[in-house]
N, C-alpha and C. Protein backbone atom coordinates (compact mmCIF):
# COMPACT_ATOMS: atom_id res chain seq x y z
N UNK A 1 10.76 12.97 7.91
CA UNK A 1 10.37 11.60 8.12
C UNK A 1 11.37 10.72 7.39
N UNK A 2 11.71 9.61 7.96
CA UNK A 2 12.69 8.73 7.34
C UNK A 2 12.10 8.10 6.09
N UNK A 3 12.98 7.82 5.12
CA UNK A 3 12.53 7.14 3.91
C UNK A 3 12.72 5.65 4.10
N UNK A 4 11.79 4.87 3.61
CA UNK A 4 11.87 3.43 3.70
C UNK A 4 12.68 2.92 2.52
N UNK A 5 13.63 2.03 2.78
CA UNK A 5 14.39 1.44 1.69
C UNK A 5 13.61 0.36 0.98
N UNK A 6 12.79 -0.36 1.71
CA UNK A 6 11.97 -1.39 1.08
C UNK A 6 10.55 -1.20 1.55
N UNK A 7 9.68 -0.86 0.64
CA UNK A 7 8.29 -0.61 0.98
C UNK A 7 7.43 -1.48 0.08
N UNK A 8 6.59 -2.27 0.66
CA UNK A 8 5.67 -3.07 -0.13
C UNK A 8 4.40 -2.28 -0.27
N UNK A 9 4.05 -1.95 -1.50
CA UNK A 9 2.89 -1.10 -1.72
C UNK A 9 1.88 -1.80 -2.60
N UNK A 10 1.07 -2.62 -2.01
CA UNK A 10 0.00 -3.18 -2.82
C UNK A 10 -1.15 -2.22 -2.97
N UNK A 11 -1.05 -1.04 -2.34
CA UNK A 11 -2.14 -0.08 -2.47
C UNK A 11 -2.41 0.27 -3.92
N UNK A 12 -1.34 0.42 -4.72
CA UNK A 12 -1.56 0.71 -6.14
C UNK A 12 -2.31 -0.43 -6.81
N UNK A 13 -1.97 -1.63 -6.45
CA UNK A 13 -2.67 -2.78 -7.02
C UNK A 13 -4.13 -2.81 -6.58
N UNK A 14 -4.39 -2.41 -5.34
CA UNK A 14 -5.76 -2.39 -4.85
C UNK A 14 -6.60 -1.38 -5.61
N UNK A 15 -6.01 -0.23 -5.88
CA UNK A 15 -6.75 0.81 -6.58
C UNK A 15 -7.00 0.41 -8.03
N UNK A 16 -5.97 -0.16 -8.68
CA UNK A 16 -6.09 -0.50 -10.09
C UNK A 16 -6.89 -1.76 -10.36
N UNK A 17 -7.06 -2.61 -9.37
CA UNK A 17 -7.70 -3.90 -9.60
C UNK A 17 -9.20 -3.85 -9.38
N UNK A 18 -9.85 -2.83 -9.88
CA UNK A 18 -11.27 -2.61 -9.62
C UNK A 18 -12.22 -3.48 -10.41
N UNK A 19 -11.79 -4.10 -11.49
CA UNK A 19 -12.69 -4.91 -12.31
C UNK A 19 -12.98 -6.24 -11.62
N UNK A 20 -14.15 -6.77 -11.87
CA UNK A 20 -14.54 -8.03 -11.24
C UNK A 20 -13.98 -9.24 -11.97
N UNK A 21 -13.59 -9.09 -13.23
CA UNK A 21 -13.04 -10.20 -13.99
C UNK A 21 -11.69 -10.58 -13.38
N UNK A 22 -11.53 -11.86 -13.01
CA UNK A 22 -10.32 -12.30 -12.31
C UNK A 22 -9.06 -12.04 -13.12
N UNK A 23 -9.08 -12.31 -14.42
CA UNK A 23 -7.91 -12.09 -15.25
C UNK A 23 -7.52 -10.63 -15.32
N UNK A 24 -8.51 -9.76 -15.43
CA UNK A 24 -8.25 -8.33 -15.48
C UNK A 24 -7.70 -7.84 -14.14
N UNK A 25 -8.26 -8.31 -13.03
CA UNK A 25 -7.77 -7.90 -11.71
C UNK A 25 -6.31 -8.32 -11.54
N UNK A 26 -5.96 -9.53 -11.97
CA UNK A 26 -4.57 -9.99 -11.86
C UNK A 26 -3.65 -9.13 -12.71
N UNK A 27 -4.07 -8.85 -13.94
CA UNK A 27 -3.23 -8.06 -14.85
C UNK A 27 -3.02 -6.66 -14.31
N UNK A 28 -4.09 -6.00 -13.92
CA UNK A 28 -3.96 -4.64 -13.39
C UNK A 28 -3.18 -4.62 -12.08
N UNK A 29 -3.40 -5.62 -11.25
CA UNK A 29 -2.64 -5.71 -10.01
C UNK A 29 -1.15 -5.89 -10.28
N UNK A 30 -0.83 -6.74 -11.24
CA UNK A 30 0.57 -6.98 -11.60
C UNK A 30 1.21 -5.70 -12.11
N UNK A 31 0.54 -5.01 -13.03
CA UNK A 31 1.09 -3.79 -13.61
C UNK A 31 1.24 -2.69 -12.56
N UNK A 32 0.21 -2.52 -11.72
CA UNK A 32 0.29 -1.49 -10.68
C UNK A 32 1.39 -1.80 -9.66
N UNK A 33 1.48 -3.05 -9.26
CA UNK A 33 2.52 -3.45 -8.31
C UNK A 33 3.91 -3.32 -8.89
N UNK A 34 4.08 -3.69 -10.16
CA UNK A 34 5.38 -3.59 -10.82
C UNK A 34 5.80 -2.12 -10.94
N UNK A 35 4.85 -1.25 -11.30
CA UNK A 35 5.16 0.18 -11.42
C UNK A 35 5.58 0.75 -10.06
N UNK A 36 4.82 0.42 -9.01
CA UNK A 36 5.15 0.92 -7.67
C UNK A 36 6.50 0.37 -7.21
N UNK A 37 6.73 -0.93 -7.45
CA UNK A 37 8.01 -1.53 -7.06
C UNK A 37 9.18 -0.92 -7.79
N UNK A 38 9.02 -0.66 -9.09
CA UNK A 38 10.09 -0.02 -9.86
C UNK A 38 10.38 1.38 -9.37
N UNK A 39 9.32 2.13 -9.05
CA UNK A 39 9.49 3.48 -8.53
C UNK A 39 10.24 3.45 -7.20
N UNK A 40 9.87 2.54 -6.34
CA UNK A 40 10.54 2.42 -5.04
C UNK A 40 11.99 2.03 -5.23
N UNK A 41 12.24 1.05 -6.10
CA UNK A 41 13.61 0.62 -6.36
C UNK A 41 14.48 1.74 -6.91
N UNK A 42 13.88 2.66 -7.67
CA UNK A 42 14.65 3.75 -8.26
C UNK A 42 15.16 4.74 -7.22
N UNK A 43 14.64 4.67 -6.00
CA UNK A 43 15.07 5.56 -4.93
C UNK A 43 16.32 5.04 -4.21
N UNK A 44 16.77 3.84 -4.59
CA UNK A 44 17.92 3.22 -3.94
C UNK A 44 19.11 3.30 -4.87
N UNK A 45 20.25 3.77 -4.38
CA UNK A 45 21.46 3.84 -5.18
C UNK A 45 21.41 5.01 -6.16
N UNK A 46 22.40 5.02 -7.06
CA UNK A 46 22.44 6.06 -8.08
C UNK A 46 23.11 5.50 -9.32
N UNK A 47 22.87 6.15 -10.44
CA UNK A 47 23.47 5.73 -11.70
C UNK A 47 23.14 4.28 -12.03
N UNK A 48 24.15 3.56 -12.52
CA UNK A 48 23.92 2.15 -12.88
C UNK A 48 23.68 1.29 -11.65
N UNK A 49 23.98 1.79 -10.46
CA UNK A 49 23.73 1.06 -9.22
C UNK A 49 22.25 0.96 -8.90
N UNK A 50 21.40 1.69 -9.65
CA UNK A 50 19.95 1.63 -9.43
C UNK A 50 19.31 0.47 -10.18
N UNK A 51 20.00 -0.10 -11.15
CA UNK A 51 19.39 -1.11 -12.00
C UNK A 51 18.91 -2.33 -11.22
N UNK A 52 19.71 -2.82 -10.31
CA UNK A 52 19.33 -4.01 -9.54
C UNK A 52 18.14 -3.71 -8.63
N UNK A 53 18.15 -2.62 -7.83
CA UNK A 53 16.98 -2.33 -7.00
C UNK A 53 15.70 -2.10 -7.82
N UNK A 54 15.83 -1.43 -8.98
CA UNK A 54 14.65 -1.20 -9.81
C UNK A 54 14.10 -2.53 -10.31
N UNK A 55 14.99 -3.40 -10.82
CA UNK A 55 14.55 -4.72 -11.31
C UNK A 55 13.91 -5.54 -10.21
N UNK A 56 14.53 -5.55 -9.03
CA UNK A 56 13.97 -6.31 -7.91
C UNK A 56 12.63 -5.72 -7.49
N UNK A 57 12.53 -4.39 -7.49
CA UNK A 57 11.27 -3.74 -7.12
C UNK A 57 10.15 -4.09 -8.09
N UNK A 58 10.47 -4.11 -9.39
CA UNK A 58 9.47 -4.46 -10.40
C UNK A 58 9.00 -5.89 -10.20
N UNK A 59 9.93 -6.80 -9.98
CA UNK A 59 9.55 -8.21 -9.80
C UNK A 59 8.74 -8.43 -8.54
N UNK A 60 9.21 -7.90 -7.42
CA UNK A 60 8.50 -8.09 -6.15
C UNK A 60 7.15 -7.38 -6.19
N UNK A 61 7.13 -6.14 -6.67
CA UNK A 61 5.87 -5.40 -6.76
C UNK A 61 4.87 -6.06 -7.69
N UNK A 62 5.36 -6.58 -8.83
CA UNK A 62 4.48 -7.27 -9.77
C UNK A 62 3.89 -8.52 -9.17
N UNK A 63 4.71 -9.29 -8.47
CA UNK A 63 4.23 -10.53 -7.85
C UNK A 63 3.19 -10.22 -6.78
N UNK A 64 3.51 -9.25 -5.90
CA UNK A 64 2.57 -8.88 -4.83
C UNK A 64 1.28 -8.32 -5.41
N UNK A 65 1.41 -7.43 -6.39
CA UNK A 65 0.23 -6.83 -7.01
C UNK A 65 -0.65 -7.86 -7.67
N UNK A 66 -0.05 -8.85 -8.32
CA UNK A 66 -0.80 -9.92 -8.96
C UNK A 66 -1.59 -10.70 -7.93
N UNK A 67 -0.92 -11.06 -6.83
CA UNK A 67 -1.56 -11.86 -5.79
C UNK A 67 -2.73 -11.11 -5.16
N UNK A 68 -2.50 -9.85 -4.81
CA UNK A 68 -3.55 -9.08 -4.17
C UNK A 68 -4.66 -8.74 -5.16
N UNK A 69 -4.29 -8.35 -6.38
CA UNK A 69 -5.29 -8.04 -7.40
C UNK A 69 -6.18 -9.22 -7.70
N UNK A 70 -5.61 -10.42 -7.66
CA UNK A 70 -6.37 -11.63 -7.92
C UNK A 70 -7.32 -11.95 -6.79
N UNK A 71 -6.90 -11.68 -5.57
CA UNK A 71 -7.63 -12.17 -4.42
C UNK A 71 -8.61 -11.19 -3.77
N UNK A 72 -8.37 -9.89 -3.87
CA UNK A 72 -9.27 -8.94 -3.22
C UNK A 72 -10.36 -8.49 -4.19
N UNK A 73 -11.59 -8.48 -3.71
CA UNK A 73 -12.69 -8.00 -4.54
C UNK A 73 -13.00 -6.55 -4.19
N UNK A 74 -13.97 -5.98 -4.87
CA UNK A 74 -14.31 -4.57 -4.67
C UNK A 74 -14.74 -4.29 -3.24
N UNK A 75 -15.49 -5.19 -2.62
CA UNK A 75 -15.93 -5.01 -1.25
C UNK A 75 -14.73 -5.00 -0.29
N UNK A 76 -13.74 -5.88 -0.54
CA UNK A 76 -12.52 -5.89 0.27
C UNK A 76 -11.81 -4.54 0.19
N UNK A 77 -11.64 -4.04 -1.03
CA UNK A 77 -10.94 -2.77 -1.23
C UNK A 77 -11.69 -1.62 -0.55
N UNK A 78 -13.01 -1.62 -0.64
CA UNK A 78 -13.80 -0.57 0.01
C UNK A 78 -13.59 -0.61 1.52
N UNK A 79 -13.63 -1.81 2.10
CA UNK A 79 -13.44 -1.95 3.55
C UNK A 79 -12.02 -1.53 3.96
N UNK A 80 -11.02 -1.90 3.15
CA UNK A 80 -9.65 -1.50 3.44
C UNK A 80 -9.51 0.02 3.38
N UNK A 81 -10.08 0.65 2.36
CA UNK A 81 -10.01 2.11 2.24
C UNK A 81 -10.69 2.80 3.42
N UNK A 82 -11.82 2.26 3.89
CA UNK A 82 -12.50 2.83 5.06
C UNK A 82 -11.62 2.72 6.30
N UNK A 83 -10.95 1.58 6.45
CA UNK A 83 -10.05 1.38 7.60
C UNK A 83 -8.87 2.35 7.52
N UNK A 84 -8.33 2.55 6.32
CA UNK A 84 -7.23 3.49 6.16
C UNK A 84 -7.66 4.90 6.56
N UNK A 85 -8.84 5.32 6.12
CA UNK A 85 -9.34 6.65 6.46
C UNK A 85 -9.48 6.81 7.97
N UNK A 86 -10.00 5.80 8.66
CA UNK A 86 -10.14 5.86 10.12
C UNK A 86 -8.77 5.91 10.79
N UNK A 87 -7.82 5.12 10.28
CA UNK A 87 -6.48 5.08 10.88
C UNK A 87 -5.75 6.41 10.74
N UNK A 88 -6.02 7.15 9.67
CA UNK A 88 -5.39 8.47 9.49
C UNK A 88 -5.79 9.42 10.60
N UNK A 89 -6.98 9.23 11.17
CA UNK A 89 -7.48 10.12 12.21
C UNK A 89 -7.35 9.54 13.62
N UNK A 90 -7.11 8.25 13.74
CA UNK A 90 -7.02 7.58 15.05
C UNK A 90 -5.69 7.92 15.73
N UNK A 91 -5.63 7.78 17.04
CA UNK A 91 -4.36 7.98 17.74
C UNK A 91 -3.28 7.02 17.23
N UNK A 92 -2.04 7.47 17.23
CA UNK A 92 -0.93 6.61 16.83
C UNK A 92 -0.94 5.37 17.69
N UNK A 93 -0.81 4.21 17.06
CA UNK A 93 -0.78 2.94 17.76
C UNK A 93 -2.13 2.24 17.86
N UNK A 94 -3.22 2.95 17.54
CA UNK A 94 -4.54 2.34 17.61
C UNK A 94 -4.81 1.53 16.35
N UNK A 95 -5.12 0.27 16.53
CA UNK A 95 -5.36 -0.63 15.40
C UNK A 95 -6.79 -0.51 14.91
N UNK A 96 -6.94 -0.28 13.61
CA UNK A 96 -8.24 -0.24 12.97
C UNK A 96 -8.36 -1.51 12.13
N UNK A 97 -9.42 -2.27 12.35
CA UNK A 97 -9.57 -3.55 11.65
C UNK A 97 -10.67 -3.48 10.60
N UNK A 98 -10.58 -4.36 9.63
CA UNK A 98 -11.64 -4.52 8.64
C UNK A 98 -11.77 -6.00 8.34
N UNK A 99 -12.94 -6.40 7.91
CA UNK A 99 -13.14 -7.80 7.50
C UNK A 99 -14.32 -7.88 6.55
N UNK A 100 -14.28 -8.88 5.71
CA UNK A 100 -15.34 -9.14 4.77
C UNK A 100 -15.93 -10.50 5.12
N UNK A 101 -17.09 -10.55 5.76
CA UNK A 101 -17.68 -11.82 6.16
C UNK A 101 -18.08 -12.70 4.97
N UNK A 102 -18.20 -12.10 3.77
CA UNK A 102 -18.57 -12.88 2.60
C UNK A 102 -17.48 -13.84 2.15
N UNK A 103 -16.19 -13.46 2.37
CA UNK A 103 -15.11 -14.32 1.90
C UNK A 103 -14.02 -14.57 2.95
N UNK A 104 -14.14 -13.98 4.13
CA UNK A 104 -13.17 -14.20 5.20
C UNK A 104 -11.90 -13.37 5.09
N UNK A 105 -11.78 -12.49 4.10
CA UNK A 105 -10.60 -11.64 3.99
C UNK A 105 -10.66 -10.58 5.08
N UNK A 106 -9.50 -10.19 5.58
CA UNK A 106 -9.47 -9.22 6.68
C UNK A 106 -8.15 -8.48 6.70
N UNK A 107 -8.06 -7.51 7.59
CA UNK A 107 -6.80 -6.79 7.73
C UNK A 107 -6.86 -5.77 8.83
N UNK A 108 -5.74 -5.10 9.00
CA UNK A 108 -5.61 -4.04 10.00
C UNK A 108 -4.82 -2.89 9.40
N UNK A 109 -5.02 -1.71 9.97
CA UNK A 109 -4.23 -0.53 9.62
C UNK A 109 -3.89 0.16 10.94
N UNK A 110 -2.62 0.48 11.14
CA UNK A 110 -2.17 1.15 12.36
C UNK A 110 -1.23 2.29 11.99
N UNK A 111 -1.54 3.50 12.45
CA UNK A 111 -0.59 4.61 12.31
C UNK A 111 0.51 4.36 13.33
N UNK A 112 1.76 4.33 12.87
CA UNK A 112 2.87 4.00 13.76
C UNK A 112 3.70 5.20 14.18
N UNK A 113 3.61 6.28 13.40
CA UNK A 113 4.41 7.47 13.72
C UNK A 113 3.82 8.66 12.99
N UNK A 114 3.95 9.84 13.57
CA UNK A 114 3.46 11.05 12.92
C UNK A 114 4.49 12.14 13.05
N UNK A 115 4.38 13.14 12.18
CA UNK A 115 5.32 14.26 12.23
C UNK A 115 5.13 15.14 11.01
N UNK A 116 6.03 16.09 10.86
CA UNK A 116 5.98 17.02 9.75
C UNK A 116 7.08 16.68 8.76
N UNK A 117 6.72 16.61 7.49
CA UNK A 117 7.68 16.29 6.44
C UNK A 117 8.73 17.39 6.34
N UNK A 118 10.00 17.01 6.31
CA UNK A 118 11.07 17.98 6.18
C UNK A 118 11.02 18.68 4.82
N UNK A 119 10.61 17.95 3.79
CA UNK A 119 10.65 18.51 2.43
C UNK A 119 9.43 19.36 2.08
N UNK A 120 8.25 19.01 2.59
CA UNK A 120 7.04 19.74 2.19
C UNK A 120 6.37 20.50 3.32
N UNK A 121 6.71 20.18 4.57
CA UNK A 121 6.07 20.82 5.72
C UNK A 121 4.70 20.26 6.03
N UNK A 122 4.27 19.21 5.29
CA UNK A 122 2.95 18.61 5.52
C UNK A 122 2.98 17.72 6.76
N UNK A 123 1.82 17.62 7.39
CA UNK A 123 1.64 16.68 8.50
C UNK A 123 1.51 15.29 7.88
N UNK A 124 2.34 14.35 8.32
CA UNK A 124 2.34 13.00 7.74
C UNK A 124 2.26 11.94 8.83
N UNK A 125 1.82 10.76 8.43
CA UNK A 125 1.76 9.61 9.33
C UNK A 125 2.29 8.39 8.61
N UNK A 126 3.15 7.65 9.29
CA UNK A 126 3.58 6.35 8.79
C UNK A 126 2.56 5.34 9.27
N UNK A 127 2.32 4.31 8.47
CA UNK A 127 1.34 3.30 8.85
C UNK A 127 1.81 1.91 8.47
N UNK A 128 1.31 0.94 9.19
CA UNK A 128 1.56 -0.49 8.94
C UNK A 128 0.21 -1.12 8.69
N UNK A 129 0.14 -1.97 7.68
CA UNK A 129 -1.11 -2.67 7.36
C UNK A 129 -0.88 -4.17 7.37
N UNK A 130 -1.94 -4.91 7.56
CA UNK A 130 -1.93 -6.34 7.27
C UNK A 130 -3.12 -6.61 6.37
N UNK A 131 -2.94 -7.50 5.43
CA UNK A 131 -4.02 -7.94 4.56
C UNK A 131 -3.95 -9.46 4.54
N UNK A 132 -5.01 -10.12 5.03
CA UNK A 132 -5.03 -11.58 5.10
C UNK A 132 -6.06 -12.12 4.12
N UNK A 133 -5.56 -12.92 3.19
CA UNK A 133 -6.39 -13.53 2.15
C UNK A 133 -6.04 -15.01 2.09
N UNK A 134 -7.03 -15.85 2.26
CA UNK A 134 -6.80 -17.29 2.18
C UNK A 134 -5.76 -17.80 3.17
N UNK A 135 -5.73 -17.20 4.34
CA UNK A 135 -4.79 -17.63 5.37
C UNK A 135 -3.38 -17.06 5.22
N UNK A 136 -3.09 -16.35 4.14
CA UNK A 136 -1.78 -15.73 3.93
C UNK A 136 -1.87 -14.25 4.26
N UNK A 137 -0.91 -13.75 5.04
CA UNK A 137 -0.90 -12.36 5.44
C UNK A 137 0.26 -11.62 4.80
N UNK A 138 -0.05 -10.49 4.20
CA UNK A 138 0.95 -9.56 3.67
C UNK A 138 0.99 -8.37 4.62
N UNK A 139 2.16 -7.73 4.75
CA UNK A 139 2.30 -6.61 5.68
C UNK A 139 2.92 -5.39 5.01
N UNK A 140 2.17 -4.69 4.18
CA UNK A 140 2.70 -3.47 3.57
C UNK A 140 2.72 -2.31 4.56
N UNK A 141 3.60 -1.35 4.31
CA UNK A 141 3.62 -0.14 5.12
C UNK A 141 3.98 1.03 4.24
N UNK A 142 3.74 2.23 4.74
CA UNK A 142 4.02 3.42 3.95
C UNK A 142 3.78 4.68 4.73
N UNK A 143 3.69 5.78 4.02
CA UNK A 143 3.49 7.09 4.62
C UNK A 143 2.40 7.83 3.84
N UNK A 144 1.53 8.51 4.57
CA UNK A 144 0.50 9.36 3.96
C UNK A 144 0.59 10.74 4.58
N UNK A 145 0.39 11.78 3.74
CA UNK A 145 0.45 13.16 4.22
C UNK A 145 -0.87 13.86 3.96
N UNK A 146 -1.26 14.71 4.92
CA UNK A 146 -2.52 15.46 4.80
C UNK A 146 -2.29 16.66 3.88
N UNK A 147 -3.19 16.79 2.91
CA UNK A 147 -3.13 17.91 1.98
C UNK A 147 -3.94 19.08 2.53
N UNK A 148 -3.81 20.24 1.90
CA UNK A 148 -4.48 21.45 2.36
C UNK A 148 -5.99 21.28 2.45
N UNK A 149 -6.58 20.45 1.55
CA UNK A 149 -8.04 20.25 1.56
C UNK A 149 -8.49 19.24 2.60
N UNK A 150 -7.54 18.68 3.38
CA UNK A 150 -7.88 17.72 4.42
C UNK A 150 -7.80 16.27 3.98
N UNK A 151 -7.67 16.03 2.67
CA UNK A 151 -7.55 14.65 2.19
C UNK A 151 -6.12 14.14 2.43
N UNK A 152 -5.95 12.83 2.32
CA UNK A 152 -4.65 12.22 2.54
C UNK A 152 -4.08 11.73 1.22
N UNK A 153 -2.77 11.92 1.06
CA UNK A 153 -2.05 11.49 -0.14
C UNK A 153 -0.97 10.51 0.29
N UNK A 154 -0.96 9.31 -0.30
CA UNK A 154 0.08 8.33 0.00
C UNK A 154 1.34 8.78 -0.71
N UNK A 155 2.43 8.94 0.06
CA UNK A 155 3.67 9.41 -0.53
C UNK A 155 4.70 8.31 -0.72
N UNK A 156 4.57 7.21 -0.02
CA UNK A 156 5.41 6.03 -0.27
C UNK A 156 4.90 4.87 0.52
């Protein structure tokens, strides 16, 4: 499966931003997003040429994680996770939607491609998501692979 050079992963921020306190959600979202962004940036270039992508990844990931951590509540994250689980099993190209009528937040998850990982031999699916909060839409994407127990692991 091809590697993405730029991947927006607010998923880490969604998982870490479980507290209901707005300040805590922002902080955890920022930290989770920055960590994911730095990890992604480290996959670009080599040696000292990695410093700029890592720095940019930390900044972009931190900003995105902060925004999503601040805006999504526990019910939003639960609905998003349910949509992701359905999309892992749905036919490629089928859009799975979620929405929270309490606050108007919504999104979609679509598996865009499937195949076997060259490095691990696992069955994997690339996916595209949208998350709309307060009229602003973010479009993260990534790859998830099925583990031996049938669960899915996000790999990037």
